[in-house]
Amino acid sequence: MRKLTGLAAAALMFTATAASADYGAIYFSQDTGAYGYSWNYRTQEAAEDAAYNECRKQARDCAMATWFKNACGALAIADGNGWGASWGNTIRAAERKALKTCRDYNNTGCRIEISFCSNQ
C-alpha cells in the first residue's frame, strides 16, 4: 500500500470534503404560508430546486428564504405570514437568527416553523 504525501494527500482530502458537502434550502410563500425545504443535496442548485418544487406544490409565489452548506437552517413565521429565515452552525444559532430577522421587519408573533441541519 502506498502512502499519499504532500499535494496528492491534500488533493484527496479536498476532493473528499467537496464530495461530502451537504446543501439545504428553504423556500417560502408569503401569500399562503406554504414552504418547501431540502437537505443532504450535493449541490446548492439541487437543494434549491428540491425546496422550490416542494413549495410550488402548494403555492405560486415561492421565494428563496435561505440556503446553507454543512450547516443548519430555520424559518420563522409571524402573524400575517411575515417571516424571517437564516442559517447557522447549529440549530439553535439558525433559529435565533431566523427569529431576529423576523422581528427586525416589525413582525409580531414570530415563531420557528421549521429548523434542520443539512447533514442529517
PDB file of N, CA and C in Angstrom:
ATOM      1  N   MET A   1       0.842  -1.174   0.000  1.00  0.00           N
ATOM      2  CA  MET A   1       0.000   0.000   0.000  1.00  0.00           C
ATOM      3  C   MET A   1       0.889   1.240   0.000  1.00  0.00           C
ATOM      4  N   ARG A   2       0.594   2.161  -0.855  1.00  0.00           N
ATOM      5  CA  ARG A   2       1.383   3.377  -1.000  1.00  0.00           C
ATOM      6  C   ARG A   2       0.743   4.530  -0.233  1.00  0.00           C
ATOM      7  N   LYS A   3       1.514   5.237   0.541  1.00  0.00           N
ATOM      8  CA  LYS A   3       1.016   6.382   1.286  1.00  0.00           C
ATOM      9  C   LYS A   3       1.007   7.616   0.397  1.00  0.00           C
ATOM     10  N   LEU A   4       0.003   8.451   0.571  1.00  0.00           N
ATOM     11  CA  LEU A   4      -0.059   9.718  -0.151  1.00  0.00           C
ATOM     12  C   LEU A   4       0.596  10.800   0.706  1.00  0.00           C
ATOM     13  N   THR A   5       1.397  11.611   0.083  1.00  0.00           N
ATOM     14  CA  THR A   5       2.039  12.693   0.807  1.00  0.00           C
ATOM     15  C   THR A   5       1.897  13.986   0.026  1.00  0.00           C
ATOM     16  N   GLY A   6       2.152  15.079   0.714  1.00  0.00           N
ATOM     17  CA  GLY A   6       2.199  16.384   0.061  1.00  0.00           C
ATOM     18  C   GLY A   6       0.929  16.751  -0.676  1.00  0.00           C
ATOM     19  N   LEU A   7       1.087  17.205  -1.917  1.00  0.00           N
ATOM     20  CA  LEU A   7      -0.029  17.689  -2.715  1.00  0.00           C
ATOM     21  C   LEU A   7      -1.046  16.608  -3.022  1.00  0.00           C
ATOM     22  N   ALA A   8      -0.601  15.388  -3.240  1.00  0.00           N
ATOM     23  CA  ALA A   8      -1.537  14.303  -3.540  1.00  0.00           C
ATOM     24  C   ALA A   8      -2.482  14.069  -2.366  1.00  0.00           C
ATOM     25  N   ALA A   9      -1.961  14.079  -1.155  1.00  0.00           N
ATOM     26  CA  ALA A   9      -2.799  13.895   0.024  1.00  0.00           C
ATOM     27  C   ALA A   9      -3.757  15.065   0.194  1.00  0.00           C
ATOM     28  N   ALA A  10      -3.275  16.276  -0.017  1.00  0.00           N
ATOM     29  CA  ALA A  10      -4.113  17.464   0.093  1.00  0.00           C
ATOM     30  C   ALA A  10      -5.231  17.446  -0.938  1.00  0.00           C
ATOM     31  N   ALA A  11      -4.925  17.044  -2.155  1.00  0.00           N
ATOM     32  CA  ALA A  11      -5.931  16.977  -3.215  1.00  0.00           C
ATOM     33  C   ALA A  11      -6.993  15.941  -2.879  1.00  0.00           C
ATOM     34  N   LEU A  12      -6.584  14.804  -2.330  1.00  0.00           N
ATOM     35  CA  LEU A  12      -7.535  13.771  -1.959  1.00  0.00           C
ATOM     36  C   LEU A  12      -8.437  14.258  -0.831  1.00  0.00           C
ATOM     37  N   MET A  13      -7.880  14.935   0.152  1.00  0.00           N
ATOM     38  CA  MET A  13      -8.683  15.455   1.252  1.00  0.00           C
ATOM     39  C   MET A  13      -9.665  16.490   0.748  1.00  0.00           C
ATOM     40  N   PHE A  14      -9.251  17.371  -0.157  1.00  0.00           N
ATOM     41  CA  PHE A  14     -10.143  18.385  -0.711  1.00  0.00           C
ATOM     42  C   PHE A  14     -11.278  17.722  -1.471  1.00  0.00           C
ATOM     43  N   THR A  15     -10.976  16.714  -2.259  1.00  0.00           N
ATOM     44  CA  THR A  15     -11.995  16.011  -3.032  1.00  0.00           C
ATOM     45  C   THR A  15     -12.988  15.325  -2.100  1.00  0.00           C
ATOM     46  N   ALA A  16     -12.500  14.691  -1.060  1.00  0.00           N
ATOM     47  CA  ALA A  16     -13.385  14.018  -0.115  1.00  0.00           C
ATOM     48  C   ALA A  16     -14.272  15.026   0.589  1.00  0.00           C
ATOM     49  N   THR A  17     -13.733  16.176   0.961  1.00  0.00           N
ATOM     50  CA  THR A  17     -14.514  17.205   1.621  1.00  0.00           C
ATOM     51  C   THR A  17     -15.567  17.759   0.676  1.00  0.00           C
ATOM     52  N   ALA A  18     -15.176  18.075  -0.550  1.00  0.00           N
ATOM     53  CA  ALA A  18     -16.123  18.623  -1.519  1.00  0.00           C
ATOM     54  C   ALA A  18     -17.210  17.612  -1.836  1.00  0.00           C
ATOM     55  N   ALA A  19     -16.857  16.335  -1.925  1.00  0.00           N
ATOM     56  CA  ALA A  19     -17.839  15.309  -2.262  1.00  0.00           C
ATOM     57  C   ALA A  19     -18.844  15.110  -1.132  1.00  0.00           C
ATOM     58  N   SER A  20     -18.478  15.420   0.102  1.00  0.00           N
ATOM     59  CA  SER A  20     -19.378  15.213   1.219  1.00  0.00           C
ATOM     60  C   SER A  20     -20.166  16.473   1.578  1.00  0.00           C
ATOM     61  N   ALA A  21     -20.094  17.500   0.753  1.00  0.00           N
ATOM     62  CA  ALA A  21     -20.830  18.731   1.023  1.00  0.00           C
ATOM     63  C   ALA A  21     -22.325  18.435   1.024  1.00  0.00           C
ATOM     64  N   ASP A  22     -22.995  18.899   2.038  1.00  0.00           N
ATOM     65  CA  ASP A  22     -24.431  18.711   2.162  1.00  0.00           C
ATOM     66  C   ASP A  22     -25.101  20.078   2.156  1.00  0.00           C
ATOM     67  N   TYR A  23     -25.908  20.321   1.122  1.00  0.00           N
ATOM     68  CA  TYR A  23     -26.613  21.585   0.979  1.00  0.00           C
ATOM     69  C   TYR A  23     -28.065  21.420   1.392  1.00  0.00           C
ATOM     70  N   GLY A  24     -28.622  22.480   1.901  1.00  0.00           N
ATOM     71  CA  GLY A  24     -30.033  22.534   2.231  1.00  0.00           C
ATOM     72  C   GLY A  24     -30.588  23.875   1.807  1.00  0.00           C
ATOM     73  N   ALA A  25     -31.908  23.951   1.696  1.00  0.00           N
ATOM     74  CA  ALA A  25     -32.554  25.200   1.289  1.00  0.00           C
ATOM     75  C   ALA A  25     -33.976  25.251   1.828  1.00  0.00           C
ATOM     76  N   ILE A  26     -34.482  26.463   1.948  1.00  0.00           N
ATOM     77  CA  ILE A  26     -35.874  26.689   2.350  1.00  0.00           C
ATOM     78  C   ILE A  26     -36.466  27.751   1.425  1.00  0.00           C
ATOM     79  N   TYR A  27     -37.643  27.471   0.893  1.00  0.00           N
ATOM     80  CA  TYR A  27     -38.437  28.439   0.127  1.00  0.00           C
ATOM     81  C   TYR A  27     -39.714  28.703   0.908  1.00  0.00           C
ATOM     82  N   PHE A  28     -40.282  29.914   0.726  1.00  0.00           N
ATOM     83  CA  PHE A  28     -41.474  30.305   1.488  1.00  0.00           C
ATOM     84  C   PHE A  28     -42.420  31.111   0.615  1.00  0.00           C
ATOM     85  N   SER A  29     -43.706  30.897   0.817  1.00  0.00           N
ATOM     86  CA  SER A  29     -44.760  31.679   0.154  1.00  0.00           C
ATOM     87  C   SER A  29     -45.398  32.597   1.181  1.00  0.00           C
ATOM     88  N   GLN A  30     -45.196  33.887   1.028  1.00  0.00           N
ATOM     89  CA  GLN A  30     -45.769  34.823   1.985  1.00  0.00           C
ATOM     90  C   GLN A  30     -47.291  34.915   1.817  1.00  0.00           C
ATOM     91  N   ASP A  31     -47.797  34.710   0.622  1.00  0.00           N
ATOM     92  CA  ASP A  31     -49.244  34.769   0.409  1.00  0.00           C
ATOM     93  C   ASP A  31     -49.977  33.655   1.140  1.00  0.00           C
ATOM     94  N   THR A  32     -49.448  32.453   1.093  1.00  0.00           N
ATOM     95  CA  THR A  32     -50.160  31.301   1.648  1.00  0.00           C
ATOM     96  C   THR A  32     -49.555  30.740   2.927  1.00  0.00           C
ATOM     97  N   GLY A  33     -48.300  31.048   3.202  1.00  0.00           N
ATOM     98  CA  GLY A  33     -47.618  30.466   4.356  1.00  0.00           C
ATOM     99  C   GLY A  33     -47.030  29.088   4.067  1.00  0.00           C
ATOM    100  N   ALA A  34     -47.133  28.647   2.823  1.00  0.00           N
ATOM    101  CA  ALA A  34     -46.569  27.349   2.437  1.00  0.00           C
ATOM    102  C   ALA A  34     -45.050  27.453   2.363  1.00  0.00           C
ATOM    103  N   TYR A  35     -44.387  26.326   2.542  1.00  0.00           N
ATOM    104  CA  TYR A  35     -42.930  26.316   2.420  1.00  0.00           C
ATOM    105  C   TYR A  35     -42.470  24.964   1.903  1.00  0.00           C
ATOM    106  N   GLY A  36     -41.269  24.951   1.395  1.00  0.00           N
ATOM    107  CA  GLY A  36     -40.629  23.726   0.967  1.00  0.00           C
ATOM    108  C   GLY A  36     -39.201  23.747   1.465  1.00  0.00           C
ATOM    109  N   TYR A  37     -38.654  22.585   1.761  1.00  0.00           N
ATOM    110  CA  TYR A  37     -37.286  22.534   2.270  1.00  0.00           C
ATOM    111  C   TYR A  37     -36.583  21.288   1.763  1.00  0.00           C
ATOM    112  N   SER A  38     -35.277  21.331   1.819  1.00  0.00           N
ATOM    113  CA  SER A  38     -34.468  20.201   1.367  1.00  0.00           C
ATOM    114  C   SER A  38     -33.195  20.126   2.186  1.00  0.00           C
ATOM    115  N   TRP A  39     -32.595  18.945   2.223  1.00  0.00           N
ATOM    116  CA  TRP A  39     -31.310  18.755   2.888  1.00  0.00           C
ATOM    117  C   TRP A  39     -30.607  17.570   2.251  1.00  0.00           C
ATOM    118  N   ASN A  40     -29.316  17.482   2.512  1.00  0.00           N
ATOM    119  CA  ASN A  40     -28.465  16.397   2.006  1.00  0.00           C
ATOM    120  C   ASN A  40     -28.366  16.347   0.483  1.00  0.00           C
ATOM    121  N   TYR A  41     -28.306  17.496  -0.137  1.00  0.00           N
ATOM    122  CA  TYR A  41     -28.068  17.557  -1.579  1.00  0.00           C
ATOM    123  C   TYR A  41     -26.611  17.892  -1.837  1.00  0.00           C
ATOM    124  N   ARG A  42     -26.072  17.385  -2.918  1.00  0.00           N
ATOM    125  CA  ARG A  42     -24.650  17.550  -3.213  1.00  0.00           C
ATOM    126  C   ARG A  42     -24.316  18.911  -3.794  1.00  0.00           C
ATOM    127  N   THR A  43     -25.317  19.636  -4.322  1.00  0.00           N
ATOM    128  CA  THR A  43     -25.070  20.971  -4.861  1.00  0.00           C
ATOM    129  C   THR A  43     -26.117  21.938  -4.335  1.00  0.00           C
ATOM    130  N   GLN A  44     -25.755  23.203  -4.336  1.00  0.00           N
ATOM    131  CA  GLN A  44     -26.687  24.242  -3.920  1.00  0.00           C
ATOM    132  C   GLN A  44     -27.888  24.277  -4.866  1.00  0.00           C
ATOM    133  N   GLU A  45     -27.624  24.166  -6.155  1.00  0.00           N
ATOM    134  CA  GLU A  45     -28.696  24.213  -7.144  1.00  0.00           C
ATOM    135  C   GLU A  45     -29.704  23.084  -6.932  1.00  0.00           C
ATOM    136  N   ALA A  46     -29.225  21.883  -6.671  1.00  0.00           N
ATOM    137  CA  ALA A  46     -30.123  20.746  -6.450  1.00  0.00           C
ATOM    138  C   ALA A  46     -30.968  20.952  -5.188  1.00  0.00           C
ATOM    139  N   ALA A  47     -30.361  21.473  -4.132  1.00  0.00           N
ATOM    140  CA  ALA A  47     -31.094  21.733  -2.892  1.00  0.00           C
ATOM    141  C   ALA A  47     -32.154  22.798  -3.117  1.00  0.00           C
ATOM    142  N   GLU A  48     -31.792  23.867  -3.820  1.00  0.00           N
ATOM    143  CA  GLU A  48     -32.754  24.933  -4.095  1.00  0.00           C
ATOM    144  C   GLU A  48     -33.893  24.428  -4.964  1.00  0.00           C
ATOM    145  N   ASP A  49     -33.585  23.657  -5.989  1.00  0.00           N
ATOM    146  CA  ASP A  49     -34.625  23.118  -6.874  1.00  0.00           C
ATOM    147  C   ASP A  49     -35.606  22.247  -6.100  1.00  0.00           C
ATOM    148  N   ALA A  50     -35.091  21.382  -5.234  1.00  0.00           N
ATOM    149  CA  ALA A  50     -35.952  20.490  -4.466  1.00  0.00           C
ATOM    150  C   ALA A  50     -36.869  21.273  -3.522  1.00  0.00           C
ATOM    151  N   ALA A  51     -36.320  22.255  -2.823  1.00  0.00           N
ATOM    152  CA  ALA A  51     -37.126  23.059  -1.899  1.00  0.00           C
ATOM    153  C   ALA A  51     -38.170  23.880  -2.665  1.00  0.00           C
ATOM    154  N   TYR A  52     -37.761  24.465  -3.775  1.00  0.00           N
ATOM    155  CA  TYR A  52     -38.680  25.255  -4.605  1.00  0.00           C
ATOM    156  C   TYR A  52     -39.826  24.372  -5.114  1.00  0.00           C
ATOM    157  N   ASN A  53     -39.495  23.206  -5.642  1.00  0.00           N
ATOM    158  CA  ASN A  53     -40.523  22.315  -6.187  1.00  0.00           C
ATOM    159  C   ASN A  53     -41.500  21.866  -5.108  1.00  0.00           C
ATOM    160  N   GLU A  54     -41.002  21.622  -3.905  1.00  0.00           N
ATOM    161  CA  GLU A  54     -41.876  21.240  -2.795  1.00  0.00           C
ATOM    162  C   GLU A  54     -42.830  22.387  -2.444  1.00  0.00           C
ATOM    163  N   CYS A  55     -42.315  23.585  -2.384  1.00  0.00           N
ATOM    164  CA  CYS A  55     -43.140  24.756  -2.076  1.00  0.00           C
ATOM    165  C   CYS A  55     -44.175  24.986  -3.183  1.00  0.00           C
ATOM    166  N   ARG A  56     -43.747  24.833  -4.432  1.00  0.00           N
ATOM    167  CA  ARG A  56     -44.634  25.082  -5.581  1.00  0.00           C
ATOM    168  C   ARG A  56     -45.804  24.104  -5.642  1.00  0.00           C
ATOM    169  N   LYS A  57     -45.731  22.999  -4.958  1.00  0.00           N
ATOM    170  CA  LYS A  57     -46.872  22.084  -4.905  1.00  0.00           C
ATOM    171  C   LYS A  57     -48.049  22.720  -4.173  1.00  0.00           C
ATOM    172  N   GLN A  58     -47.743  23.753  -3.360  1.00  0.00           N
ATOM    173  CA  GLN A  58     -48.761  24.374  -2.518  1.00  0.00           C
ATOM    174  C   GLN A  58     -49.028  25.839  -2.857  1.00  0.00           C
ATOM    175  N   ALA A  59     -48.094  26.494  -3.545  1.00  0.00           N
ATOM    176  CA  ALA A  59     -48.233  27.937  -3.781  1.00  0.00           C
ATOM    177  C   ALA A  59     -47.489  28.356  -5.044  1.00  0.00           C
ATOM    178  N   ARG A  60     -47.845  29.503  -5.572  1.00  0.00           N
ATOM    179  CA  ARG A  60     -47.212  30.005  -6.792  1.00  0.00           C
ATOM    180  C   ARG A  60     -46.141  31.071  -6.532  1.00  0.00           C
ATOM    181  N   ASP A  61     -46.163  31.683  -5.370  1.00  0.00           N
ATOM    182  CA  ASP A  61     -45.254  32.805  -5.101  1.00  0.00           C
ATOM    183  C   ASP A  61     -44.056  32.419  -4.228  1.00  0.00           C
ATOM    184  N   CYS A  62     -43.573  31.211  -4.344  1.00  0.00           N
ATOM    185  CA  CYS A  62     -42.467  30.741  -3.507  1.00  0.00           C
ATOM    186  C   CYS A  62     -41.203  31.543  -3.769  1.00  0.00           C
ATOM    187  N   ALA A  63     -40.585  31.986  -2.697  1.00  0.00           N
ATOM    188  CA  ALA A  63     -39.349  32.769  -2.780  1.00  0.00           C
ATOM    189  C   ALA A  63     -38.279  32.110  -1.915  1.00  0.00           C
ATOM    190  N   MET A  64     -37.030  32.262  -2.345  1.00  0.00           N
ATOM    191  CA  MET A  64     -35.904  31.730  -1.573  1.00  0.00           C
ATOM    192  C   MET A  64     -35.868  32.387  -0.200  1.00  0.00           C
ATOM    193  N   ALA A  65     -35.878  31.572   0.834  1.00  0.00           N
ATOM    194  CA  ALA A  65     -35.759  32.081   2.193  1.00  0.00           C
ATOM    195  C   ALA A  65     -34.305  32.005   2.647  1.00  0.00           C
ATOM    196  N   THR A  66     -33.675  30.842   2.463  1.00  0.00           N
ATOM    197  CA  THR A  66     -32.265  30.685   2.814  1.00  0.00           C
ATOM    198  C   THR A  66     -31.737  29.387   2.210  1.00  0.00           C
ATOM    199  N   TRP A  67     -30.432  29.334   2.074  1.00  0.00           N
ATOM    200  CA  TRP A  67     -29.742  28.096   1.697  1.00  0.00           C
ATOM    201  C   TRP A  67     -28.510  28.008   2.574  1.00  0.00           C
ATOM    202  N   PHE A  68     -27.969  26.796   2.700  1.00  0.00           N
ATOM    203  CA  PHE A  68     -26.821  26.600   3.574  1.00  0.00           C
ATOM    204  C   PHE A  68     -26.063  25.351   3.164  1.00  0.00           C
ATOM    205  N   LYS A  69     -24.823  25.296   3.576  1.00  0.00           N
ATOM    206  CA  LYS A  69     -23.934  24.185   3.249  1.00  0.00           C
ATOM    207  C   LYS A  69     -23.288  23.680   4.528  1.00  0.00           C
ATOM    208  N   ASN A  70     -23.442  22.386   4.793  1.00  0.00           N
ATOM    209  CA  ASN A  70     -22.876  21.778   6.008  1.00  0.00           C
ATOM    210  C   ASN A  70     -23.225  22.603   7.242  1.00  0.00           C
ATOM    211  N   ALA A  71     -24.487  22.978   7.342  1.00  0.00           N
ATOM    212  CA  ALA A  71     -24.940  23.841   8.422  1.00  0.00           C
ATOM    213  C   ALA A  71     -26.420  23.553   8.681  1.00  0.00           C
ATOM    214  N   CYS A  72     -27.057  24.449   9.415  1.00  0.00           N
ATOM    215  CA  CYS A  72     -28.466  24.306   9.756  1.00  0.00           C
ATOM    216  C   CYS A  72     -29.238  25.521   9.260  1.00  0.00           C
ATOM    217  N   GLY A  73     -30.510  25.334   9.006  1.00  0.00           N
ATOM    218  CA  GLY A  73     -31.370  26.422   8.550  1.00  0.00           C
ATOM    219  C   GLY A  73     -32.643  26.461   9.364  1.00  0.00           C
ATOM    220  N   ALA A  74     -33.273  27.639   9.401  1.00  0.00           N
ATOM    221  CA  ALA A  74     -34.522  27.784  10.142  1.00  0.00           C
ATOM    222  C   ALA A  74     -35.405  28.818   9.458  1.00  0.00           C
ATOM    223  N   LEU A  75     -36.706  28.603   9.581  1.00  0.00           N
ATOM    224  CA  LEU A  75     -37.717  29.518   9.064  1.00  0.00           C
ATOM    225  C   LEU A  75     -38.620  29.915  10.218  1.00  0.00           C
ATOM    226  N   ALA A  76     -38.735  31.213  10.447  1.00  0.00           N
ATOM    227  CA  ALA A  76     -39.647  31.743  11.456  1.00  0.00           C
ATOM    228  C   ALA A  76     -40.800  32.424  10.726  1.00  0.00           C
ATOM    229  N   ILE A  77     -42.025  32.134  11.159  1.00  0.00           N
ATOM    230  CA  ILE A  77     -43.212  32.735  10.560  1.00  0.00           C
ATOM    231  C   ILE A  77     -43.932  33.526  11.642  1.00  0.00           C
ATOM    232  N   ALA A  78     -44.462  34.689  11.255  1.00  0.00           N
ATOM    233  CA  ALA A  78     -45.148  35.579  12.183  1.00  0.00           C
ATOM    234  C   ALA A  78     -46.629  35.650  11.852  1.00  0.00           C
ATOM    235  N   ASP A  79     -47.360  36.351  12.681  1.00  0.00           N
ATOM    236  CA  ASP A  79     -48.768  36.622  12.395  1.00  0.00           C
ATOM    237  C   ASP A  79     -48.859  37.314  11.041  1.00  0.00           C
ATOM    238  N   GLY A  80     -49.823  36.927  10.232  1.00  0.00           N
ATOM    239  CA  GLY A  80     -49.992  37.543   8.918  1.00  0.00           C
ATOM    240  C   GLY A  80     -48.968  37.090   7.890  1.00  0.00           C
ATOM    241  N   ASN A  81     -48.256  36.012   8.151  1.00  0.00           N
ATOM    242  CA  ASN A  81     -47.252  35.428   7.258  1.00  0.00           C
ATOM    243  C   ASN A  81     -46.010  36.295   7.060  1.00  0.00           C
ATOM    244  N   GLY A  82     -45.746  37.209   7.978  1.00  0.00           N
ATOM    245  CA  GLY A  82     -44.421  37.828   7.978  1.00  0.00           C
ATOM    246  C   GLY A  82     -43.432  36.718   8.284  1.00  0.00           C
ATOM    247  N   TRP A  83     -42.198  36.902   7.947  1.00  0.00           N
ATOM    248  CA  TRP A  83     -41.261  35.798   8.139  1.00  0.00           C
ATOM    249  C   TRP A  83     -39.818  36.280   8.221  1.00  0.00           C
ATOM    250  N   GLY A  84     -38.961  35.356   8.610  1.00  0.00           N
ATOM    251  CA  GLY A  84     -37.516  35.543   8.616  1.00  0.00           C
ATOM    252  C   GLY A  84     -36.879  34.167   8.544  1.00  0.00           C
ATOM    253  N   ALA A  85     -35.760  34.090   7.900  1.00  0.00           N
ATOM    254  CA  ALA A  85     -35.057  32.815   7.784  1.00  0.00           C
ATOM    255  C   ALA A  85     -33.569  33.074   7.878  1.00  0.00           C
ATOM    256  N   SER A  86     -32.840  32.065   8.288  1.00  0.00           N
ATOM    257  CA  SER A  86     -31.391  32.195   8.360  1.00  0.00           C
ATOM    258  C   SER A  86     -30.768  30.815   8.512  1.00  0.00           C
ATOM    259  N   TRP A  87     -29.438  30.828   8.596  1.00  0.00           N
ATOM    260  CA  TRP A  87     -28.685  29.600   8.775  1.00  0.00           C
ATOM    261  C   TRP A  87     -27.673  29.829   9.893  1.00  0.00           C
ATOM    262  N   GLY A  88     -27.149  28.729  10.416  1.00  0.00           N
ATOM    263  CA  GLY A  88     -26.138  28.811  11.453  1.00  0.00           C
ATOM    264  C   GLY A  88     -25.415  27.476  11.562  1.00  0.00           C
ATOM    265  N   ASN A  89     -24.376  27.455  12.348  1.00  0.00           N
ATOM    266  CA  ASN A  89     -23.605  26.224  12.524  1.00  0.00           C
ATOM    267  C   ASN A  89     -24.310  25.205  13.413  1.00  0.00           C
ATOM    268  N   THR A  90     -25.315  25.661  14.157  1.00  0.00           N
ATOM    269  CA  THR A  90     -26.140  24.775  14.978  1.00  0.00           C
ATOM    270  C   THR A  90     -27.601  25.145  14.749  1.00  0.00           C
ATOM    271  N   ILE A  91     -28.489  24.247  15.137  1.00  0.00           N
ATOM    272  CA  ILE A  91     -29.922  24.552  15.005  1.00  0.00           C
ATOM    273  C   ILE A  91     -30.274  25.762  15.856  1.00  0.00           C
ATOM    274  N   ARG A  92     -29.747  25.819  17.047  1.00  0.00           N
ATOM    275  CA  ARG A  92     -30.060  26.958  17.939  1.00  0.00           C
ATOM    276  C   ARG A  92     -29.626  28.278  17.326  1.00  0.00           C
ATOM    277  N   ALA A  93     -28.441  28.302  16.716  1.00  0.00           N
ATOM    278  CA  ALA A  93     -27.964  29.534  16.082  1.00  0.00           C
ATOM    279  C   ALA A  93     -28.857  29.918  14.903  1.00  0.00           C
ATOM    280  N   ALA A  94     -29.228  28.939  14.094  1.00  0.00           N
ATOM    281  CA  ALA A  94     -30.105  29.213  12.954  1.00  0.00           C
ATOM    282  C   ALA A  94     -31.460  29.734  13.428  1.00  0.00           C
ATOM    283  N   GLU A  95     -32.004  29.135  14.454  1.00  0.00           N
ATOM    284  CA  GLU A  95     -33.297  29.565  14.978  1.00  0.00           C
ATOM    285  C   GLU A  95     -33.238  30.978  15.552  1.00  0.00           C
ATOM    286  N   ARG A  96     -32.189  31.280  16.311  1.00  0.00           N
ATOM    287  CA  ARG A  96     -32.039  32.634  16.873  1.00  0.00           C
ATOM    288  C   ARG A  96     -31.974  33.682  15.764  1.00  0.00           C
ATOM    289  N   LYS A  97     -31.178  33.393  14.730  1.00  0.00           N
ATOM    290  CA  LYS A  97     -31.043  34.346  13.622  1.00  0.00           C
ATOM    291  C   LYS A  97     -32.349  34.499  12.851  1.00  0.00           C
ATOM    292  N   ALA A  98     -33.061  33.403  12.630  1.00  0.00           N
ATOM    293  CA  ALA A  98     -34.339  33.476  11.908  1.00  0.00           C
ATOM    294  C   ALA A  98     -35.350  34.299  12.699  1.00  0.00           C
ATOM    295  N   LEU A  99     -35.421  34.080  14.000  1.00  0.00           N
ATOM    296  CA  LEU A  99     -36.332  34.865  14.839  1.00  0.00           C
ATOM    297  C   LEU A  99     -35.956  36.336  14.837  1.00  0.00           C
ATOM    298  N   LYS A 100     -34.666  36.629  14.926  1.00  0.00           N
ATOM    299  CA  LYS A 100     -34.208  38.026  14.896  1.00  0.00           C
ATOM    300  C   LYS A 100     -34.570  38.680  13.569  1.00  0.00           C
ATOM    301  N   THR A 101     -34.346  37.984  12.464  1.00  0.00           N
ATOM    302  CA  THR A 101     -34.680  38.528  11.152  1.00  0.00           C
ATOM    303  C   THR A 101     -36.176  38.784  11.056  1.00  0.00           C
ATOM    304  N   CYS A 102     -36.973  37.845  11.521  1.00  0.00           N
ATOM    305  CA  CYS A 102     -38.424  38.006  11.511  1.00  0.00           C
ATOM    306  C   CYS A 102     -38.832  39.248  12.303  1.00  0.00           C
ATOM    307  N   ARG A 103     -38.286  39.408  13.484  1.00  0.00           N
ATOM    308  CA  ARG A 103     -38.623  40.558  14.342  1.00  0.00           C
ATOM    309  C   ARG A 103     -38.075  41.868  13.804  1.00  0.00           C
ATOM    310  N   ASP A 104     -36.933  41.823  13.122  1.00  0.00           N
ATOM    311  CA  ASP A 104     -36.339  43.038  12.562  1.00  0.00           C
ATOM    312  C   ASP A 104     -37.241  43.707  11.534  1.00  0.00           C
ATOM    313  N   TYR A 105     -38.173  42.950  10.952  1.00  0.00           N
ATOM    314  CA  TYR A 105     -39.122  43.513   9.992  1.00  0.00           C
ATOM    315  C   TYR A 105     -40.430  43.910  10.672  1.00  0.00           C
ATOM    316  N   ASN A 106     -40.375  44.100  12.002  1.00  0.00           N
ATOM    317  CA  ASN A 106     -41.519  44.519  12.806  1.00  0.00           C
ATOM    318  C   ASN A 106     -42.684  43.541  12.755  1.00  0.00           C
ATOM    319  N   ASN A 107     -42.398  42.280  12.552  1.00  0.00           N
ATOM    320  CA  ASN A 107     -43.428  41.249  12.608  1.00  0.00           C
ATOM    321  C   ASN A 107     -43.725  40.916  14.058  1.00  0.00           C
ATOM    322  N   THR A 108     -44.955  40.521  14.333  1.00  0.00           N
ATOM    323  CA  THR A 108     -45.324  40.105  15.684  1.00  0.00           C
ATOM    324  C   THR A 108     -45.675  38.618  15.679  1.00  0.00           C
ATOM    325  N   GLY A 109     -45.445  37.982  16.798  1.00  0.00           N
ATOM    326  CA  GLY A 109     -45.776  36.572  16.942  1.00  0.00           C
ATOM    327  C   GLY A 109     -44.810  35.655  16.207  1.00  0.00           C
ATOM    328  N   CYS A 110     -43.577  36.076  16.007  1.00  0.00           N
ATOM    329  CA  CYS A 110     -42.600  35.240  15.290  1.00  0.00           C
ATOM    330  C   CYS A 110     -42.359  33.932  16.049  1.00  0.00           C
ATOM    331  N   ARG A 111     -42.403  32.833  15.321  1.00  0.00           N
ATOM    332  CA  ARG A 111     -42.168  31.517  15.906  1.00  0.00           C
ATOM    333  C   ARG A 111     -41.459  30.644  14.880  1.00  0.00           C
ATOM    334  N   ILE A 112     -40.685  29.714  15.343  1.00  0.00           N
ATOM    335  CA  ILE A 112     -39.977  28.805  14.443  1.00  0.00           C
ATOM    336  C   ILE A 112     -40.978  27.817  13.849  1.00  0.00           C
ATOM    337  N   GLU A 113     -41.026  27.783  12.536  1.00  0.00           N
ATOM    338  CA  GLU A 113     -41.896  26.841  11.838  1.00  0.00           C
ATOM    339  C   GLU A 113     -41.148  25.550  11.525  1.00  0.00           C
ATOM    340  N   ILE A 114     -39.892  25.691  11.108  1.00  0.00           N
ATOM    341  CA  ILE A 114     -39.088  24.518  10.774  1.00  0.00           C
ATOM    342  C   ILE A 114     -37.617  24.850  10.976  1.00  0.00           C
ATOM    343  N   SER A 115     -36.855  23.867  11.435  1.00  0.00           N
ATOM    344  CA  SER A 115     -35.409  24.020  11.538  1.00  0.00           C
ATOM    345  C   SER A 115     -34.797  22.632  11.403  1.00  0.00           C
ATOM    346  N   PHE A 116     -33.660  22.576  10.730  1.00  0.00           N
ATOM    347  CA  PHE A 116     -32.999  21.297  10.476  1.00  0.00           C
ATOM    348  C   PHE A 116     -31.577  21.575  10.011  1.00  0.00           C
ATOM    349  N   CYS A 117     -30.776  20.520   9.963  1.00  0.00           N
ATOM    350  CA  CYS A 117     -29.397  20.640   9.501  1.00  0.00           C
ATOM    351  C   CYS A 117     -29.237  19.880   8.184  1.00  0.00           C
ATOM    352  N   SER A 118     -28.359  20.363   7.343  1.00  0.00           N
ATOM    353  CA  SER A 118     -28.204  19.791   6.007  1.00  0.00           C
ATOM    354  C   SER A 118     -27.528  18.428   6.021  1.00  0.00           C
ATOM    355  N   ASN A 119     -26.859  18.088   7.099  1.00  0.00           N
ATOM    356  CA  ASN A 119     -26.139  16.810   7.123  1.00  0.00           C
ATOM    357  C   ASN A 119     -26.821  15.785   8.033  1.00  0.00           C
ATOM    358  N   GLN A 120     -28.138  15.844   8.155  1.00  0.00           N
ATOM    359  CA  GLN A 120     -28.864  14.890   8.985  1.00  0.00           C
ATOM    360  C   GLN A 120     -29.133  13.615   8.234  1.00  0.00           C
TER     361      GLN A 120
END
